[in-house]
């Protein structure tokens, strides 16, 4: 998933092995913090919605 964050583009790579095994990696936009990717993975597991998971970046 490619999206704009602040003034630059970012890429969210989502790996879905099963509904219980979802992992994310975030590239670009200066957000290489592994904790952010873990939070996105957890949000995606809960909501099963990419837009809702991406809202966690704004909070």
PDB file of N, CA and C in Angstrom:
ATOM      1  N   UNK A   1       0.862  -1.158   0.000  1.00  0.00           N
ATOM      2  CA  UNK A   1       0.000   0.000   0.000  1.00  0.00           C
ATOM      3  C   UNK A   1       0.907   1.219   0.000  1.00  0.00           C
ATOM      4  N   UNK A   2       0.714   2.110  -0.955  1.00  0.00           N
ATOM      5  CA  UNK A   2       1.464   3.357  -1.021  1.00  0.00           C
ATOM      6  C   UNK A   2       0.548   4.488  -0.576  1.00  0.00           C
ATOM      7  N   UNK A   3       1.050   5.368   0.280  1.00  0.00           N
ATOM      8  CA  UNK A   3       0.245   6.476   0.764  1.00  0.00           C
ATOM      9  C   UNK A   3       1.143   7.662   1.062  1.00  0.00           C
ATOM     10  N   UNK A   4       0.520   8.827   1.168  1.00  0.00           N
ATOM     11  CA  UNK A   4       1.268  10.036   1.485  1.00  0.00           C
ATOM     12  C   UNK A   4       1.196  10.275   2.981  1.00  0.00           C
ATOM     13  N   UNK A   5       2.364  10.466   3.588  1.00  0.00           N
ATOM     14  CA  UNK A   5       2.450  10.772   5.007  1.00  0.00           C
ATOM     15  C   UNK A   5       3.281  12.030   5.138  1.00  0.00           C
ATOM     16  N   UNK A   6       2.688  13.069   5.699  1.00  0.00           N
ATOM     17  CA  UNK A   6       3.326  14.376   5.782  1.00  0.00           C
ATOM     18  C   UNK A   6       3.620  14.851   4.358  1.00  0.00           C
ATOM     19  N   UNK A   7       4.873  15.151   4.052  1.00  0.00           N
ATOM     20  CA  UNK A   7       5.221  15.665   2.724  1.00  0.00           C
ATOM     21  C   UNK A   7       5.907  14.639   1.838  1.00  0.00           C
ATOM     22  N   UNK A   8       5.864  13.375   2.202  1.00  0.00           N
ATOM     23  CA  UNK A   8       6.546  12.373   1.395  1.00  0.00           C
ATOM     24  C   UNK A   8       5.685  11.120   1.278  1.00  0.00           C
ATOM     25  N   UNK A   9       6.105  10.245   0.378  1.00  0.00           N
ATOM     26  CA  UNK A   9       5.393   8.985   0.181  1.00  0.00           C
ATOM     27  C   UNK A   9       5.958   7.911   1.098  1.00  0.00           C
ATOM     28  N   UNK A  10       5.093   7.007   1.497  1.00  0.00           N
ATOM     29  CA  UNK A  10       5.498   5.867   2.312  1.00  0.00           C
ATOM     30  C   UNK A  10       4.871   4.616   1.706  1.00  0.00           C
ATOM     31  N   UNK A  11       5.488   3.489   1.990  1.00  0.00           N
ATOM     32  CA  UNK A  11       4.986   2.203   1.503  1.00  0.00           C
ATOM     33  C   UNK A  11       4.787   1.288   2.703  1.00  0.00           C
ATOM     34  N   UNK A  12       3.623   0.706   2.784  1.00  0.00           N
ATOM     35  CA  UNK A  12       3.324  -0.279   3.818  1.00  0.00           C
ATOM     36  C   UNK A  12       3.260  -1.631   3.134  1.00  0.00           C
ATOM     37  N   UNK A  13       4.180  -2.504   3.499  1.00  0.00           N
ATOM     38  CA  UNK A  13       4.225  -3.861   2.961  1.00  0.00           C
ATOM     39  C   UNK A  13       3.521  -4.769   3.968  1.00  0.00           C
ATOM     40  N   UNK A  14       2.440  -5.394   3.539  1.00  0.00           N
ATOM     41  CA  UNK A  14       1.633  -6.238   4.421  1.00  0.00           C
ATOM     42  C   UNK A  14       1.801  -7.690   4.000  1.00  0.00           C
ATOM     43  N   UNK A  15       2.195  -8.533   4.945  1.00  0.00           N
ATOM     44  CA  UNK A  15       2.350  -9.963   4.705  1.00  0.00           C
ATOM     45  C   UNK A  15       1.261 -10.683   5.499  1.00  0.00           C
ATOM     46  N   UNK A  16       0.337 -11.326   4.793  1.00  0.00           N
ATOM     47  CA  UNK A  16      -0.768 -12.023   5.445  1.00  0.00           C
ATOM     48  C   UNK A  16      -0.613 -13.512   5.193  1.00  0.00           C
ATOM     49  N   UNK A  17      -0.153 -14.218   6.207  1.00  0.00           N
ATOM     50  CA  UNK A  17      -0.028 -15.664   6.131  1.00  0.00           C
ATOM     51  C   UNK A  17      -1.380 -16.309   6.434  1.00  0.00           C
ATOM     52  N   UNK A  18      -2.046 -15.799   7.460  1.00  0.00           N
ATOM     53  CA  UNK A  18      -3.402 -16.202   7.823  1.00  0.00           C
ATOM     54  C   UNK A  18      -4.018 -15.018   8.555  1.00  0.00           C
ATOM     55  N   UNK A  19      -5.278 -15.143   8.950  1.00  0.00           N
ATOM     56  CA  UNK A  19      -5.925 -14.023   9.640  1.00  0.00           C
ATOM     57  C   UNK A  19      -5.306 -13.751  11.010  1.00  0.00           C
ATOM     58  N   UNK A  20      -4.539 -14.705  11.519  1.00  0.00           N
ATOM     59  CA  UNK A  20      -3.880 -14.523  12.812  1.00  0.00           C
ATOM     60  C   UNK A  20      -2.396 -14.203  12.675  1.00  0.00           C
ATOM     61  N   UNK A  21      -1.871 -14.284  11.482  1.00  0.00           N
ATOM     62  CA  UNK A  21      -0.457 -14.012  11.238  1.00  0.00           C
ATOM     63  C   UNK A  21      -0.326 -12.916  10.191  1.00  0.00           C
ATOM     64  N   UNK A  22      -0.350 -11.683  10.672  1.00  0.00           N
ATOM     65  CA  UNK A  22      -0.231 -10.512   9.806  1.00  0.00           C
ATOM     66  C   UNK A  22       0.963  -9.708  10.291  1.00  0.00           C
ATOM     67  N   UNK A  23       1.838  -9.363   9.369  1.00  0.00           N
ATOM     68  CA  UNK A  23       2.966  -8.515   9.727  1.00  0.00           C
ATOM     69  C   UNK A  23       3.086  -7.386   8.717  1.00  0.00           C
ATOM     70  N   UNK A  24       3.600  -6.263   9.170  1.00  0.00           N
ATOM     71  CA  UNK A  24       3.743  -5.085   8.334  1.00  0.00           C
ATOM     72  C   UNK A  24       5.163  -4.555   8.430  1.00  0.00           C
ATOM     73  N   UNK A  25       5.618  -3.965   7.346  1.00  0.00           N
ATOM     74  CA  UNK A  25       6.875  -3.227   7.327  1.00  0.00           C
ATOM     75  C   UNK A  25       6.580  -1.898   6.669  1.00  0.00           C
ATOM     76  N   UNK A  26       7.118  -0.854   7.259  1.00  0.00           N
ATOM     77  CA  UNK A  26       6.874   0.485   6.768  1.00  0.00           C
ATOM     78  C   UNK A  26       8.168   1.055   6.215  1.00  0.00           C
ATOM     79  N   UNK A  27       8.107   1.578   4.989  1.00  0.00           N
ATOM     80  CA  UNK A  27       9.279   2.128   4.322  1.00  0.00           C
ATOM     81  C   UNK A  27       9.003   3.572   3.927  1.00  0.00           C
ATOM     82  N   UNK A  28      10.004   4.410   4.047  1.00  0.00           N
ATOM     83  CA  UNK A  28       9.907   5.797   3.604  1.00  0.00           C
ATOM     84  C   UNK A  28       9.324   6.710   4.649  1.00  0.00           C
ATOM     85  N   UNK A  29       9.257   7.966   4.311  1.00  0.00           N
ATOM     86  CA  UNK A  29       8.692   9.015   5.167  1.00  0.00           C
ATOM     87  C   UNK A  29       9.413   9.124   6.502  1.00  0.00           C
ATOM     88  N   UNK A  30      10.657   8.619   6.579  1.00  0.00           N
ATOM     89  CA  UNK A  30      11.436   8.722   7.809  1.00  0.00           C
ATOM     90  C   UNK A  30      10.842   7.964   8.978  1.00  0.00           C
ATOM     91  N   UNK A  31      10.117   6.872   8.698  1.00  0.00           N
ATOM     92  CA  UNK A  31       9.425   6.135   9.767  1.00  0.00           C
ATOM     93  C   UNK A  31       9.912   4.695   9.825  1.00  0.00           C
ATOM     94  N   UNK A  32      11.196   4.505   9.997  1.00  0.00           N
ATOM     95  CA  UNK A  32      11.747   3.153  10.019  1.00  0.00           C
ATOM     96  C   UNK A  32      11.726   2.529  11.418  1.00  0.00           C
ATOM     97  N   UNK A  33      10.987   3.111  12.337  1.00  0.00           N
ATOM     98  CA  UNK A  33      10.897   2.608  13.704  1.00  0.00           C
ATOM     99  C   UNK A  33      10.129   1.279  13.718  1.00  0.00           C
ATOM    100  N   UNK A  34      10.741   0.194  14.207  1.00  0.00           N
ATOM    101  CA  UNK A  34      10.049  -1.108  14.231  1.00  0.00           C
ATOM    102  C   UNK A  34       8.791  -1.102  15.093  1.00  0.00           C
ATOM    103  N   UNK A  35       8.739  -0.244  16.098  1.00  0.00           N
ATOM    104  CA  UNK A  35       7.553  -0.179  16.956  1.00  0.00           C
ATOM    105  C   UNK A  35       6.339   0.293  16.170  1.00  0.00           C
ATOM    106  N   UNK A  36       6.540   1.177  15.206  1.00  0.00           N
ATOM    107  CA  UNK A  36       5.432   1.658  14.384  1.00  0.00           C
ATOM    108  C   UNK A  36       4.867   0.501  13.561  1.00  0.00           C
ATOM    109  N   UNK A  37       5.733  -0.294  12.974  1.00  0.00           N
ATOM    110  CA  UNK A  37       5.284  -1.446  12.185  1.00  0.00           C
ATOM    111  C   UNK A  37       4.552  -2.454  13.067  1.00  0.00           C
ATOM    112  N   UNK A  38       5.012  -2.657  14.279  1.00  0.00           N
ATOM    113  CA  UNK A  38       4.334  -3.573  15.199  1.00  0.00           C
ATOM    114  C   UNK A  38       2.947  -3.051  15.549  1.00  0.00           C
ATOM    115  N   UNK A  39       2.832  -1.745  15.782  1.00  0.00           N
ATOM    116  CA  UNK A  39       1.524  -1.160  16.088  1.00  0.00           C
ATOM    117  C   UNK A  39       0.577  -1.280  14.901  1.00  0.00           C
ATOM    118  N   UNK A  40       1.094  -1.071  13.692  1.00  0.00           N
ATOM    119  CA  UNK A  40       0.267  -1.228  12.505  1.00  0.00           C
ATOM    120  C   UNK A  40      -0.189  -2.675  12.330  1.00  0.00           C
ATOM    121  N   UNK A  41       0.705  -3.614  12.586  1.00  0.00           N
ATOM    122  CA  UNK A  41       0.347  -5.036  12.488  1.00  0.00           C
ATOM    123  C   UNK A  41      -0.764  -5.377  13.470  1.00  0.00           C
ATOM    124  N   UNK A  42      -0.630  -4.902  14.695  1.00  0.00           N
ATOM    125  CA  UNK A  42      -1.646  -5.168  15.717  1.00  0.00           C
ATOM    126  C   UNK A  42      -2.982  -4.538  15.336  1.00  0.00           C
ATOM    127  N   UNK A  43      -2.946  -3.314  14.832  1.00  0.00           N
ATOM    128  CA  UNK A  43      -4.185  -2.645  14.420  1.00  0.00           C
ATOM    129  C   UNK A  43      -4.835  -3.369  13.253  1.00  0.00           C
ATOM    130  N   UNK A  44      -4.025  -3.859  12.341  1.00  0.00           N
ATOM    131  CA  UNK A  44      -4.560  -4.585  11.186  1.00  0.00           C
ATOM    132  C   UNK A  44      -5.173  -5.916  11.610  1.00  0.00           C
ATOM    133  N   UNK A  45      -4.569  -6.590  12.573  1.00  0.00           N
ATOM    134  CA  UNK A  45      -5.139  -7.843  13.085  1.00  0.00           C
ATOM    135  C   UNK A  45      -6.492  -7.594  13.738  1.00  0.00           C
ATOM    136  N   UNK A  46      -6.604  -6.481  14.483  1.00  0.00           N
ATOM    137  CA  UNK A  46      -7.857  -6.176  15.178  1.00  0.00           C
ATOM    138  C   UNK A  46      -8.965  -5.786  14.220  1.00  0.00           C
ATOM    139  N   UNK A  47      -8.641  -4.899  13.292  1.00  0.00           N
ATOM    140  CA  UNK A  47      -9.693  -4.311  12.464  1.00  0.00           C
ATOM    141  C   UNK A  47      -9.877  -4.995  11.116  1.00  0.00           C
ATOM    142  N   UNK A  48      -8.812  -5.679  10.618  1.00  0.00           N
ATOM    143  CA  UNK A  48      -8.816  -6.280   9.284  1.00  0.00           C
ATOM    144  C   UNK A  48      -9.129  -5.223   8.215  1.00  0.00           C
ATOM    145  N   UNK A  49      -8.690  -3.988   8.471  1.00  0.00           N
ATOM    146  CA  UNK A  49      -8.959  -2.878   7.566  1.00  0.00           C
ATOM    147  C   UNK A  49      -7.676  -2.042   7.430  1.00  0.00           C
ATOM    148  N   UNK A  50      -7.161  -1.933   6.215  1.00  0.00           N
ATOM    149  CA  UNK A  50      -5.947  -1.144   5.996  1.00  0.00           C
ATOM    150  C   UNK A  50      -6.186   0.333   6.324  1.00  0.00           C
ATOM    151  N   UNK A  51      -7.294   0.948   5.873  1.00  0.00           N
ATOM    152  CA  UNK A  51      -7.505   2.358   6.221  1.00  0.00           C
ATOM    153  C   UNK A  51      -7.544   2.606   7.740  1.00  0.00           C
ATOM    154  N   UNK A  52      -8.193   1.722   8.474  1.00  0.00           N
ATOM    155  CA  UNK A  52      -8.242   1.902   9.925  1.00  0.00           C
ATOM    156  C   UNK A  52      -6.863   1.703  10.545  1.00  0.00           C
ATOM    157  N   UNK A  53      -6.101   0.772  10.033  1.00  0.00           N
ATOM    158  CA  UNK A  53      -4.739   0.551  10.540  1.00  0.00           C
ATOM    159  C   UNK A  53      -3.870   1.770  10.270  1.00  0.00           C
ATOM    160  N   UNK A  54      -4.017   2.386   9.106  1.00  0.00           N
ATOM    161  CA  UNK A  54      -3.217   3.559   8.785  1.00  0.00           C
ATOM    162  C   UNK A  54      -3.579   4.760   9.647  1.00  0.00           C
ATOM    163  N   UNK A  55      -4.777   4.785  10.161  1.00  0.00           N
ATOM    164  CA  UNK A  55      -5.167   5.882  11.071  1.00  0.00           C
ATOM    165  C   UNK A  55      -4.338   5.869  12.345  1.00  0.00           C
ATOM    166  N   UNK A  56      -3.759   4.725  12.692  1.00  0.00           N
ATOM    167  CA  UNK A  56      -2.922   4.673  13.890  1.00  0.00           C
ATOM    168  C   UNK A  56      -1.666   5.517  13.713  1.00  0.00           C
ATOM    169  N   UNK A  57      -1.277   5.790  12.468  1.00  0.00           N
ATOM    170  CA  UNK A  57      -0.124   6.665  12.235  1.00  0.00           C
ATOM    171  C   UNK A  57      -0.424   8.105  12.648  1.00  0.00           C
ATOM    172  N   UNK A  58      -1.675   8.501  12.515  1.00  0.00           N
ATOM    173  CA  UNK A  58      -2.047   9.873  12.842  1.00  0.00           C
ATOM    174  C   UNK A  58      -2.162  10.087  14.347  1.00  0.00           C
ATOM    175  N   UNK A  59      -2.320   9.023  15.098  1.00  0.00           N
ATOM    176  CA  UNK A  59      -2.489   9.177  16.553  1.00  0.00           C
ATOM    177  C   UNK A  59      -1.199   9.054  17.300  1.00  0.00           C
TER     178      UNK A  59
END
